[in-house]
Amino acid sequence: MKRFEVYKNIRKRAMIFGLPVSLFALMMIAIIASLLVIIFSFSFGIIIGVLAFNAALYIALTRFAHNPQLLQFAKVFPKNISNKKSSSLNYE
């Protein structure tokens, strides 16, 4: 019998242009902002700079999507886990 995956789990892994949906939304916001900069700029250097920024952002986001540990600086779990009641008195 065929097993089907839950739709919610499929949405979590959805990719658009090699990016997860949240990173793709960030890329689209950057593109819309850069289009506004291009429309209201009068310098060829600014236009080239915006295009280079968008290319660099896309490359950085795709690398981050394939290796999410790049931005993880702290440990996920604490060193010690205890279920003791916390008290205002310290008995050390």
C-alpha atoms as a PDB file:
ATOM      1  CA  MET A   1       0.000   0.000   0.000  1.00  0.00           C
ATOM      2  CA  LYS A   2       1.251   3.437  -0.863  1.00  0.00           C
ATOM      3  CA  ARG A   3       2.054   5.852   1.963  1.00  0.00           C
ATOM      4  CA  PHE A   4       1.482   9.551   1.502  1.00  0.00           C
ATOM      5  CA  GLU A   5       3.245  12.292   3.415  1.00  0.00           C
ATOM      6  CA  VAL A   6       1.323  14.894   5.382  1.00  0.00           C
ATOM      7  CA  TYR A   7       0.782  18.084   3.360  1.00  0.00           C
ATOM      8  CA  LYS A   8       2.192  20.249   6.160  1.00  0.00           C
ATOM      9  CA  ASN A   9       5.524  18.428   5.933  1.00  0.00           C
ATOM     10  CA  ILE A  10       5.632  18.902   2.169  1.00  0.00           C
ATOM     11  CA  ARG A  11       5.112  22.655   2.595  1.00  0.00           C
ATOM     12  CA  LYS A  12       8.019  22.859   5.059  1.00  0.00           C
ATOM     13  CA  ARG A  13      10.413  21.598   2.387  1.00  0.00           C
ATOM     14  CA  ALA A  14       8.972  23.592  -0.516  1.00  0.00           C
ATOM     15  CA  MET A  15      11.658  25.204  -2.661  1.00  0.00           C
ATOM     16  CA  ILE A  16      11.399  28.084  -5.131  1.00  0.00           C
ATOM     17  CA  PHE A  17      14.517  28.761  -7.237  1.00  0.00           C
ATOM     18  CA  GLY A  18      16.525  26.618  -4.820  1.00  0.00           C
ATOM     19  CA  LEU A  19      15.441  28.618  -1.745  1.00  0.00           C
ATOM     20  CA  PRO A  20      12.958  27.781   1.008  1.00  0.00           C
ATOM     21  CA  VAL A  21       9.797  29.876   0.911  1.00  0.00           C
ATOM     22  CA  SER A  22      10.910  32.257   3.695  1.00  0.00           C
ATOM     23  CA  LEU A  23      14.288  32.974   2.084  1.00  0.00           C
ATOM     24  CA  PHE A  24      12.604  33.359  -1.299  1.00  0.00           C
ATOM     25  CA  ALA A  25      10.295  35.994   0.232  1.00  0.00           C
ATOM     26  CA  LEU A  26      13.353  37.829   1.584  1.00  0.00           C
ATOM     27  CA  MET A  27      14.918  37.726  -1.874  1.00  0.00           C
ATOM     28  CA  MET A  28      11.749  39.118  -3.484  1.00  0.00           C
ATOM     29  CA  ILE A  29      11.642  41.997  -0.983  1.00  0.00           C
ATOM     30  CA  ALA A  30      15.272  42.785  -1.828  1.00  0.00           C
ATOM     31  CA  ILE A  31      14.498  42.706  -5.554  1.00  0.00           C
ATOM     32  CA  ILE A  32      11.494  45.021  -5.183  1.00  0.00           C
ATOM     33  CA  ALA A  33      13.556  47.450  -3.095  1.00  0.00           C
ATOM     34  CA  SER A  34      16.359  47.358  -5.650  1.00  0.00           C
ATOM     35  CA  LEU A  35      13.906  48.055  -8.465  1.00  0.00           C
ATOM     36  CA  LEU A  36      12.773  51.158  -6.602  1.00  0.00           C
ATOM     37  CA  VAL A  37      16.414  52.208  -6.222  1.00  0.00           C
ATOM     38  CA  ILE A  38      17.016  51.639  -9.933  1.00  0.00           C
ATOM     39  CA  ILE A  39      13.928  53.629 -10.918  1.00  0.00           C
ATOM     40  CA  PHE A  40      14.852  56.646  -8.803  1.00  0.00           C
ATOM     41  CA  SER A  41      18.631  56.565  -9.270  1.00  0.00           C
ATOM     42  CA  PHE A  42      20.453  58.630 -11.828  1.00  0.00           C
ATOM     43  CA  SER A  43      23.797  56.865 -11.629  1.00  0.00           C
ATOM     44  CA  PHE A  44      24.965  53.905 -13.678  1.00  0.00           C
ATOM     45  CA  GLY A  45      27.246  52.852 -10.797  1.00  0.00           C
ATOM     46  CA  ILE A  46      24.318  52.539  -8.396  1.00  0.00           C
ATOM     47  CA  ILE A  47      22.456  50.342 -10.880  1.00  0.00           C
ATOM     48  CA  ILE A  48      25.473  48.040 -11.278  1.00  0.00           C
ATOM     49  CA  GLY A  49      25.945  48.001  -7.494  1.00  0.00           C
ATOM     50  CA  VAL A  50      22.315  47.008  -6.886  1.00  0.00           C
ATOM     51  CA  LEU A  51      22.567  44.200  -9.431  1.00  0.00           C
ATOM     52  CA  ALA A  52      25.780  42.954  -7.804  1.00  0.00           C
ATOM     53  CA  PHE A  53      24.142  43.142  -4.367  1.00  0.00           C
ATOM     54  CA  ASN A  54      21.180  41.049  -5.561  1.00  0.00           C
ATOM     55  CA  ALA A  55      23.493  38.450  -7.096  1.00  0.00           C
ATOM     56  CA  ALA A  56      25.583  38.257  -3.914  1.00  0.00           C
ATOM     57  CA  LEU A  57      22.440  37.992  -1.766  1.00  0.00           C
ATOM     58  CA  TYR A  58      21.108  35.141  -3.914  1.00  0.00           C
ATOM     59  CA  ILE A  59      24.403  33.256  -3.687  1.00  0.00           C
ATOM     60  CA  ALA A  60      24.580  33.773   0.085  1.00  0.00           C
ATOM     61  CA  LEU A  61      20.974  32.639   0.607  1.00  0.00           C
ATOM     62  CA  THR A  62      21.409  29.496  -1.504  1.00  0.00           C
ATOM     63  CA  ARG A  63      24.551  28.566   0.435  1.00  0.00           C
ATOM     64  CA  PHE A  64      22.715  29.197   3.696  1.00  0.00           C
ATOM     65  CA  ALA A  65      19.770  27.068   2.510  1.00  0.00           C
ATOM     66  CA  HIS A  66      22.074  24.129   1.727  1.00  0.00           C
ATOM     67  CA  ASN A  67      24.123  24.492   4.938  1.00  0.00           C
ATOM     68  CA  PRO A  68      22.001  26.053   7.732  1.00  0.00           C
ATOM     69  CA  GLN A  69      24.721  25.472  10.355  1.00  0.00           C
ATOM     70  CA  LEU A  70      26.625  28.478   8.992  1.00  0.00           C
ATOM     71  CA  LEU A  71      24.732  30.932  11.202  1.00  0.00           C
ATOM     72  CA  GLN A  72      24.385  28.764  14.304  1.00  0.00           C
ATOM     73  CA  PHE A  73      26.714  30.315  16.873  1.00  0.00           C
ATOM     74  CA  ALA A  74      25.333  29.014  20.176  1.00  0.00           C
ATOM     75  CA  LYS A  75      24.628  25.493  21.299  1.00  0.00           C
ATOM     76  CA  VAL A  76      21.044  24.428  20.922  1.00  0.00           C
ATOM     77  CA  PHE A  77      20.711  22.504  24.165  1.00  0.00           C
ATOM     78  CA  PRO A  78      21.841  23.617  27.629  1.00  0.00           C
ATOM     79  CA  LYS A  79      24.739  21.854  29.302  1.00  0.00           C
ATOM     80  CA  ASN A  80      22.739  20.715  32.331  1.00  0.00           C
ATOM     81  CA  ILE A  81      19.048  19.894  32.416  1.00  0.00           C
ATOM     82  CA  SER A  82      17.305  19.637  35.755  1.00  0.00           C
ATOM     83  CA  ASN A  83      13.715  19.369  36.898  1.00  0.00           C
ATOM     84  CA  LYS A  84      14.399  20.683  40.407  1.00  0.00           C
ATOM     85  CA  LYS A  85      12.205  23.447  41.669  1.00  0.00           C
ATOM     86  CA  SER A  86      14.002  26.741  41.499  1.00  0.00           C
ATOM     87  CA  SER A  87      14.315  28.500  44.822  1.00  0.00           C
ATOM     88  CA  SER A  88      15.297  32.009  45.786  1.00  0.00           C
ATOM     89  CA  LEU A  89      17.680  30.503  48.355  1.00  0.00           C
ATOM     90  CA  ASN A  90      21.024  29.204  47.174  1.00  0.00           C
ATOM     91  CA  TYR A  91      22.444  26.230  49.084  1.00  0.00           C
ATOM     92  CA  GLU A  92      25.842  25.971  47.488  1.00  0.00           C
END
